Protein backbone atom coordinates (compact mmCIF):
# COMPACT_ATOMS: atom_id res chain seq x y z
CA MET A 1 34.16 -53.59 -154.01
CA PRO A 2 33.65 -55.38 -150.68
CA LYS A 3 34.01 -53.83 -147.25
CA TYR A 4 35.29 -55.69 -144.18
CA VAL A 5 33.83 -54.90 -140.76
CA CYS A 6 35.70 -56.06 -137.63
CA SER A 7 33.99 -56.96 -134.38
CA LEU A 8 35.31 -58.17 -131.07
CA ASP A 9 32.98 -60.58 -129.30
CA SER A 10 33.21 -58.34 -126.24
CA ASN A 11 32.25 -55.21 -128.24
CA ASN A 12 30.24 -56.24 -131.31
CA ALA A 13 29.93 -53.73 -134.17
CA TRP A 14 26.14 -54.36 -134.31
CA HIS A 15 25.88 -52.57 -130.94
CA LEU A 16 28.21 -49.66 -131.65
CA PRO A 17 27.33 -46.17 -132.90
CA PRO A 18 27.83 -45.73 -136.69
CA GLU A 19 30.84 -43.44 -136.23
CA GLU A 20 32.67 -46.18 -134.32
CA VAL A 21 31.74 -48.84 -136.89
CA VAL A 22 33.29 -46.66 -139.62
CA GLN A 23 36.61 -46.88 -137.71
CA GLN A 24 36.33 -50.70 -137.84
CA THR A 25 35.49 -50.87 -141.57
CA PHE A 26 38.19 -51.53 -144.15
CA SER A 27 38.53 -51.97 -147.90
CA THR A 28 40.80 -55.01 -147.76
CA GLU A 29 40.92 -58.21 -145.72
CA GLU A 30 44.56 -57.47 -144.83
CA GLU A 31 43.62 -54.10 -143.30
CA ALA A 32 40.93 -55.82 -141.26
CA LYS A 33 43.41 -58.39 -139.98
CA GLN A 34 45.80 -55.57 -139.04
CA TRP A 35 43.05 -54.00 -136.93
CA PHE A 36 42.90 -57.22 -134.88
CA TYR A 37 46.68 -57.29 -134.47
CA GLN A 38 46.59 -53.69 -133.25
CA ASN A 39 43.66 -54.24 -130.85
CA CYS A 40 44.85 -57.61 -129.55
CA PRO A 41 48.61 -57.15 -129.14
CA ASN A 42 50.82 -59.96 -127.87
CA ARG A 43 48.32 -62.60 -128.94
CA ASN A 44 48.69 -65.53 -131.29
CA LEU A 45 45.75 -64.81 -133.60
CA GLU A 46 44.23 -67.40 -135.89
CA PHE A 47 41.86 -66.60 -138.77
CA SER A 48 39.39 -69.25 -140.01
CA GLY A 49 39.10 -67.95 -143.53
CA PHE A 50 35.73 -66.80 -144.84
CA HIS A 51 32.74 -69.11 -144.35
CA LEU A 52 29.21 -68.32 -145.50
CA THR A 53 27.05 -67.94 -142.41
CA ILE A 54 23.29 -67.34 -142.51
CA HIS A 55 23.67 -64.29 -144.75
CA LEU A 56 27.26 -63.02 -144.92
CA PRO A 57 30.77 -64.39 -145.39
CA THR A 58 32.48 -64.35 -141.98
CA ASN A 59 36.12 -64.90 -140.98
CA PHE A 60 36.22 -65.99 -137.34
CA VAL A 61 39.16 -64.81 -135.25
CA SER A 62 40.50 -66.84 -132.34
CA CYS A 63 43.38 -66.73 -129.92
CA ASN A 64 44.72 -69.98 -128.41
CA GLY A 65 41.57 -71.81 -129.48
CA HIS A 66 39.13 -69.25 -128.02
CA GLY A 67 36.97 -67.09 -130.28
CA ILE A 68 37.55 -63.37 -129.84
CA GLY A 69 35.79 -61.82 -132.84
CA GLN A 70 35.06 -61.85 -136.54
CA ILE A 71 35.53 -60.04 -139.80
CA ILE A 72 32.33 -59.79 -141.85
CA GLU A 73 32.52 -59.19 -145.59
CA TYR A 74 29.88 -56.96 -147.15
CA SER A 75 29.72 -56.70 -150.92
CA ASN A 76 28.03 -53.91 -152.90
CA ASN A 77 25.22 -56.37 -153.66
CA GLN A 78 24.17 -56.65 -149.99
């Protein structure tokens, strides 16, 4: 079962303590999107859909054409 980790460009999960990353990790894509709606209120969010980057599928999140973060999908195989 995959996990979805949310990151804001201004506060990337790679640089956060593990206990904070756990709070940004979800079991469904919909829960991950809801995290962005809760943390970026009053914004018109756009999701790119998942694209395979160098190693992991990534869903880029933007607001009014400007990137603000991403959702990275981790499967049990990774």
